[in-house]
Amino acid sequence: MSEHKPMSMLAEELSLRRETLIAKSRAERMLLTQHSKQLRRSLLLADTGLQLLAKIRQRPAIGIGLLAASIIIKPRRILSILKNGLLGWQIWQSVAPAFKHAQADTRLTGKRD
C-alpha cells in the first residue's frame, strides 16, 4: 500500500522548500554582486593600464621620461607616485562626466552660477 500524506503536510513541505530556495537564491545573488564588483575593479585597473600604454605609444617621449624618472627616483617612491597618480586618474574619471554635464547645461541655458 502506498502511504498518502495529508495535503496540509505537502503544503508545509512545499512552503519550507520554497523558503529554502529563496534564501539560497538571495545568497547566490549577493555572492554574484560581490564577484562582479571585484571584476569591475580589476577591469578598471586593466583599462587604465591600457590607456596609459596607448598614451605612451602615441608620445614616446613620455615613455622615455618615465624610464629616466624610474632610474633617478628610488623604486619605493615610484610605487607611491604611481598609486597616487592612479588614484587621481580614477577620481578624475568619475568626476569628469559631471563637469561635462554641467558645462553642457551652461551652454544650453546660457546661465552661469
N, C-alpha and C. Protein backbone atom coordinates (compact mmCIF):
# COMPACT_ATOMS: atom_id res chain seq x y z
N MET A 1 0.82 -1.18 0.00
CA MET A 1 0.00 0.00 0.00
C MET A 1 0.86 1.24 0.00
N SER A 2 0.41 2.24 -0.73
CA SER A 2 1.16 3.50 -0.74
C SER A 2 0.61 4.42 0.34
N GLU A 3 1.54 5.10 0.95
CA GLU A 3 1.16 5.99 2.05
C GLU A 3 0.95 7.39 1.49
N HIS A 4 -0.19 7.97 1.74
CA HIS A 4 -0.51 9.32 1.27
C HIS A 4 -0.36 10.30 2.41
N LYS A 5 0.29 11.41 2.12
CA LYS A 5 0.44 12.46 3.12
C LYS A 5 -0.77 13.38 3.02
N PRO A 6 -1.19 13.90 4.15
CA PRO A 6 -2.29 14.87 4.11
C PRO A 6 -1.84 16.12 3.33
N MET A 7 -2.78 16.80 2.72
CA MET A 7 -2.50 17.99 1.93
C MET A 7 -1.79 19.07 2.74
N SER A 8 -2.14 19.18 4.02
CA SER A 8 -1.50 20.21 4.84
C SER A 8 -0.01 19.94 5.01
N MET A 9 0.38 18.65 5.10
CA MET A 9 1.81 18.32 5.21
C MET A 9 2.53 18.64 3.91
N LEU A 10 1.89 18.30 2.79
CA LEU A 10 2.51 18.61 1.49
C LEU A 10 2.68 20.12 1.30
N ALA A 11 1.66 20.86 1.68
CA ALA A 11 1.73 22.31 1.56
C ALA A 11 2.83 22.87 2.45
N GLU A 12 2.97 22.32 3.64
CA GLU A 12 4.02 22.76 4.57
C GLU A 12 5.40 22.43 4.03
N GLU A 13 5.57 21.24 3.46
CA GLU A 13 6.86 20.84 2.87
C GLU A 13 7.20 21.74 1.68
N LEU A 14 6.20 22.01 0.84
CA LEU A 14 6.44 22.88 -0.31
C LEU A 14 6.79 24.30 0.13
N SER A 15 6.13 24.77 1.15
CA SER A 15 6.41 26.11 1.67
C SER A 15 7.83 26.18 2.22
N LEU A 16 8.23 25.16 2.97
CA LEU A 16 9.59 25.11 3.52
C LEU A 16 10.61 25.04 2.40
N ARG A 17 10.33 24.23 1.39
CA ARG A 17 11.25 24.09 0.24
C ARG A 17 11.37 25.43 -0.50
N ARG A 18 10.25 26.10 -0.67
CA ARG A 18 10.24 27.40 -1.35
C ARG A 18 11.09 28.41 -0.59
N GLU A 19 10.92 28.49 0.71
CA GLU A 19 11.69 29.44 1.51
C GLU A 19 13.18 29.11 1.48
N THR A 20 13.51 27.83 1.48
CA THR A 20 14.91 27.41 1.38
C THR A 20 15.50 27.87 0.05
N LEU A 21 14.76 27.66 -1.02
CA LEU A 21 15.25 28.07 -2.35
C LEU A 21 15.38 29.58 -2.46
N ILE A 22 14.45 30.31 -1.87
CA ILE A 22 14.53 31.78 -1.89
C ILE A 22 15.77 32.25 -1.14
N ALA A 23 16.04 31.66 0.02
CA ALA A 23 17.22 32.04 0.80
C ALA A 23 18.50 31.71 0.05
N LYS A 24 18.52 30.55 -0.61
CA LYS A 24 19.70 30.15 -1.38
C LYS A 24 19.90 31.12 -2.56
N SER A 25 18.81 31.47 -3.22
CA SER A 25 18.87 32.40 -4.35
C SER A 25 19.39 33.76 -3.90
N ARG A 26 18.91 34.23 -2.76
CA ARG A 26 19.35 35.53 -2.22
C ARG A 26 20.86 35.50 -1.93
N ALA A 27 21.33 34.40 -1.33
CA ALA A 27 22.76 34.28 -1.02
C ALA A 27 23.59 34.25 -2.30
N GLU A 28 23.11 33.55 -3.31
CA GLU A 28 23.84 33.48 -4.58
C GLU A 28 23.88 34.84 -5.27
N ARG A 29 22.79 35.60 -5.20
CA ARG A 29 22.78 36.95 -5.78
C ARG A 29 23.77 37.85 -5.08
N MET A 30 23.85 37.75 -3.76
CA MET A 30 24.81 38.57 -3.01
C MET A 30 26.24 38.21 -3.40
N LEU A 31 26.51 36.92 -3.53
CA LEU A 31 27.84 36.46 -3.92
C LEU A 31 28.17 36.95 -5.33
N LEU A 32 27.22 36.87 -6.23
CA LEU A 32 27.41 37.34 -7.60
C LEU A 32 27.70 38.84 -7.62
N THR A 33 27.01 39.59 -6.79
CA THR A 33 27.23 41.04 -6.70
C THR A 33 28.65 41.33 -6.23
N GLN A 34 29.11 40.60 -5.23
CA GLN A 34 30.48 40.81 -4.73
C GLN A 34 31.50 40.48 -5.81
N HIS A 35 31.30 39.38 -6.51
CA HIS A 35 32.25 38.99 -7.56
C HIS A 35 32.24 40.00 -8.70
N SER A 36 31.07 40.52 -9.04
CA SER A 36 31.01 41.48 -10.15
C SER A 36 31.71 42.78 -9.76
N LYS A 37 31.62 43.19 -8.49
CA LYS A 37 32.33 44.40 -8.04
C LYS A 37 33.83 44.20 -8.14
N GLN A 38 34.32 43.03 -7.72
CA GLN A 38 35.74 42.74 -7.81
C GLN A 38 36.20 42.72 -9.27
N LEU A 39 35.39 42.12 -10.12
CA LEU A 39 35.72 42.06 -11.54
C LEU A 39 35.74 43.45 -12.15
N ARG A 40 34.78 44.28 -11.76
CA ARG A 40 34.71 45.65 -12.28
C ARG A 40 35.97 46.42 -11.90
N ARG A 41 36.42 46.26 -10.64
CA ARG A 41 37.65 46.95 -10.21
C ARG A 41 38.85 46.47 -11.00
N SER A 42 38.94 45.16 -11.21
CA SER A 42 40.06 44.62 -11.98
C SER A 42 40.05 45.12 -13.41
N LEU A 43 38.86 45.16 -14.01
CA LEU A 43 38.76 45.64 -15.38
C LEU A 43 39.08 47.12 -15.47
N LEU A 44 38.70 47.89 -14.48
CA LEU A 44 39.02 49.31 -14.46
C LEU A 44 40.53 49.52 -14.40
N LEU A 45 41.19 48.74 -13.56
CA LEU A 45 42.64 48.84 -13.46
C LEU A 45 43.30 48.45 -14.78
N ALA A 46 42.82 47.38 -15.39
CA ALA A 46 43.38 46.95 -16.68
C ALA A 46 43.13 48.01 -17.75
N ASP A 47 41.95 48.60 -17.75
CA ASP A 47 41.61 49.65 -18.72
C ASP A 47 42.51 50.87 -18.54
N THR A 48 42.75 51.22 -17.30
CA THR A 48 43.63 52.36 -17.01
C THR A 48 45.04 52.07 -17.52
N GLY A 49 45.51 50.85 -17.30
CA GLY A 49 46.83 50.45 -17.78
C GLY A 49 46.91 50.51 -19.30
N LEU A 50 45.86 50.04 -19.97
CA LEU A 50 45.83 50.08 -21.44
C LEU A 50 45.80 51.51 -21.95
N GLN A 51 45.06 52.38 -21.27
CA GLN A 51 45.03 53.78 -21.67
C GLN A 51 46.40 54.43 -21.51
N LEU A 52 47.09 54.08 -20.43
CA LEU A 52 48.43 54.61 -20.21
C LEU A 52 49.39 54.13 -21.30
N LEU A 53 49.30 52.85 -21.64
CA LEU A 53 50.15 52.32 -22.71
C LEU A 53 49.86 53.00 -24.04
N ALA A 54 48.59 53.25 -24.31
CA ALA A 54 48.23 53.94 -25.56
C ALA A 54 48.84 55.34 -25.59
N LYS A 55 48.80 56.04 -24.46
CA LYS A 55 49.39 57.38 -24.39
C LYS A 55 50.90 57.32 -24.64
N ILE A 56 51.53 56.31 -24.04
CA ILE A 56 52.98 56.18 -24.20
C ILE A 56 53.32 55.85 -25.65
N ARG A 57 52.51 55.03 -26.31
CA ARG A 57 52.76 54.71 -27.71
C ARG A 57 52.57 55.94 -28.60
N GLN A 58 51.59 56.78 -28.26
CA GLN A 58 51.35 57.98 -29.05
C GLN A 58 52.47 59.00 -28.87
N ARG A 59 53.01 59.03 -27.66
CA ARG A 59 54.06 60.01 -27.35
C ARG A 59 55.24 59.27 -26.69
N PRO A 60 56.18 58.80 -27.49
CA PRO A 60 57.32 58.05 -26.95
C PRO A 60 58.13 58.83 -25.92
N ALA A 61 58.08 60.15 -25.98
CA ALA A 61 58.82 60.96 -25.01
C ALA A 61 58.33 60.69 -23.59
N ILE A 62 57.04 60.41 -23.45
CA ILE A 62 56.50 60.09 -22.12
C ILE A 62 57.15 58.82 -21.59
N GLY A 63 57.27 57.81 -22.43
CA GLY A 63 57.91 56.55 -22.02
C GLY A 63 59.36 56.75 -21.64
N ILE A 64 60.05 57.55 -22.43
CA ILE A 64 61.46 57.84 -22.12
C ILE A 64 61.56 58.60 -20.81
N GLY A 65 60.66 59.55 -20.60
CA GLY A 65 60.65 60.31 -19.35
C GLY A 65 60.37 59.41 -18.15
N LEU A 66 59.42 58.49 -18.31
CA LEU A 66 59.13 57.56 -17.22
C LEU A 66 60.32 56.66 -16.92
N LEU A 67 60.99 56.20 -17.96
CA LEU A 67 62.17 55.37 -17.76
C LEU A 67 63.27 56.14 -17.05
N ALA A 68 63.51 57.37 -17.47
CA ALA A 68 64.53 58.20 -16.82
C ALA A 68 64.16 58.46 -15.37
N ALA A 69 62.89 58.75 -15.13
CA ALA A 69 62.45 59.01 -13.75
C ALA A 69 62.62 57.77 -12.88
N SER A 70 62.35 56.60 -13.46
CA SER A 70 62.47 55.37 -12.66
C SER A 70 63.93 55.07 -12.31
N ILE A 71 64.83 55.52 -13.14
CA ILE A 71 66.25 55.32 -12.85
C ILE A 71 66.71 56.30 -11.77
N ILE A 72 66.22 57.53 -11.86
CA ILE A 72 66.65 58.58 -10.93
C ILE A 72 65.98 58.44 -9.56
N ILE A 73 64.67 58.17 -9.56
CA ILE A 73 63.92 58.10 -8.31
C ILE A 73 63.98 56.67 -7.76
N LYS A 74 63.96 56.56 -6.47
CA LYS A 74 64.00 55.25 -5.83
C LYS A 74 62.73 54.47 -6.17
N PRO A 75 62.84 53.15 -6.34
CA PRO A 75 61.68 52.33 -6.71
C PRO A 75 60.49 52.43 -5.75
N ARG A 76 60.74 52.52 -4.45
CA ARG A 76 59.62 52.63 -3.50
C ARG A 76 58.85 53.92 -3.70
N ARG A 77 59.59 54.95 -3.98
CA ARG A 77 58.95 56.25 -4.20
C ARG A 77 58.13 56.23 -5.49
N ILE A 78 58.63 55.54 -6.50
CA ILE A 78 57.91 55.43 -7.76
C ILE A 78 56.57 54.74 -7.52
N LEU A 79 56.58 53.68 -6.74
CA LEU A 79 55.35 52.95 -6.45
C LEU A 79 54.34 53.88 -5.76
N SER A 80 54.82 54.68 -4.83
CA SER A 80 53.94 55.62 -4.15
C SER A 80 53.38 56.65 -5.13
N ILE A 81 54.23 57.16 -6.01
CA ILE A 81 53.80 58.14 -7.01
C ILE A 81 52.78 57.51 -7.95
N LEU A 82 53.03 56.28 -8.38
CA LEU A 82 52.10 55.60 -9.28
C LEU A 82 50.75 55.37 -8.62
N LYS A 83 50.76 54.98 -7.35
CA LYS A 83 49.49 54.78 -6.64
C LYS A 83 48.70 56.08 -6.56
N ASN A 84 49.39 57.17 -6.21
CA ASN A 84 48.72 58.47 -6.12
C ASN A 84 48.22 58.93 -7.49
N GLY A 85 49.03 58.70 -8.51
CA GLY A 85 48.62 59.07 -9.86
C GLY A 85 47.39 58.28 -10.31
N LEU A 86 47.40 56.99 -10.02
CA LEU A 86 46.25 56.15 -10.38
C LEU A 86 45.01 56.59 -9.63
N LEU A 87 45.15 56.89 -8.37
CA LEU A 87 44.01 57.36 -7.58
C LEU A 87 43.47 58.68 -8.16
N GLY A 88 44.37 59.59 -8.48
CA GLY A 88 43.95 60.86 -9.07
C GLY A 88 43.24 60.65 -10.41
N TRP A 89 43.77 59.76 -11.21
CA TRP A 89 43.16 59.46 -12.52
C TRP A 89 41.76 58.87 -12.33
N GLN A 90 41.61 57.96 -11.39
CA GLN A 90 40.31 57.35 -11.15
C GLN A 90 39.30 58.37 -10.64
N ILE A 91 39.75 59.26 -9.78
CA ILE A 91 38.86 60.32 -9.28
C ILE A 91 38.44 61.21 -10.44
N TRP A 92 39.40 61.59 -11.28
CA TRP A 92 39.07 62.44 -12.42
C TRP A 92 38.07 61.73 -13.35
N GLN A 93 38.28 60.44 -13.60
CA GLN A 93 37.38 59.69 -14.47
C GLN A 93 35.96 59.67 -13.91
N SER A 94 35.82 59.63 -12.61
CA SER A 94 34.48 59.60 -12.02
C SER A 94 33.84 60.98 -11.95
N VAL A 95 34.65 62.04 -11.89
CA VAL A 95 34.13 63.40 -11.74
C VAL A 95 33.96 64.10 -13.09
N ALA A 96 34.77 63.76 -14.07
CA ALA A 96 34.75 64.45 -15.37
C ALA A 96 33.37 64.46 -16.03
N PRO A 97 32.62 63.35 -16.02
CA PRO A 97 31.28 63.41 -16.65
C PRO A 97 30.37 64.46 -16.02
N ALA A 98 30.47 64.66 -14.71
CA ALA A 98 29.65 65.67 -14.05
C ALA A 98 30.04 67.07 -14.53
N PHE A 99 31.35 67.31 -14.70
CA PHE A 99 31.80 68.60 -15.21
C PHE A 99 31.31 68.82 -16.64
N LYS A 100 31.40 67.78 -17.47
CA LYS A 100 30.95 67.90 -18.85
C LYS A 100 29.45 68.16 -18.90
N HIS A 101 28.71 67.49 -18.03
CA HIS A 101 27.26 67.68 -17.98
C HIS A 101 26.92 69.11 -17.56
N ALA A 102 27.60 69.61 -16.55
CA ALA A 102 27.37 70.98 -16.09
C ALA A 102 27.74 71.98 -17.18
N GLN A 103 28.80 71.71 -17.89
CA GLN A 103 29.23 72.60 -18.97
C GLN A 103 28.21 72.60 -20.10
N ALA A 104 27.67 71.43 -20.42
CA ALA A 104 26.64 71.33 -21.46
C ALA A 104 25.38 72.08 -21.03
N ASP A 105 25.00 71.96 -19.75
CA ASP A 105 23.83 72.68 -19.25
C ASP A 105 24.04 74.19 -19.35
N THR A 106 25.24 74.65 -19.06
CA THR A 106 25.56 76.07 -19.13
C THR A 106 25.42 76.57 -20.57
N ARG A 107 25.88 75.78 -21.51
CA ARG A 107 25.79 76.18 -22.92
C ARG A 107 24.33 76.24 -23.37
N LEU A 108 23.51 75.29 -22.90
CA LEU A 108 22.11 75.25 -23.33
C LEU A 108 21.30 76.40 -22.75
N THR A 109 21.52 76.69 -21.49
CA THR A 109 20.72 77.72 -20.84
C THR A 109 21.33 79.11 -20.96
N GLY A 110 22.62 79.18 -21.18
CA GLY A 110 23.29 80.46 -21.26
C GLY A 110 23.50 81.10 -19.90
N LYS A 111 23.19 80.37 -18.83
CA LYS A 111 23.33 80.92 -17.47
C LYS A 111 24.55 80.29 -16.81
N ARG A 112 25.18 81.09 -15.98
CA ARG A 112 26.29 80.59 -15.17
C ARG A 112 25.97 80.86 -13.72
N ASP A 113 26.31 79.91 -12.86
CA ASP A 113 26.03 80.07 -11.42
C ASP A 113 27.04 80.94 -10.75
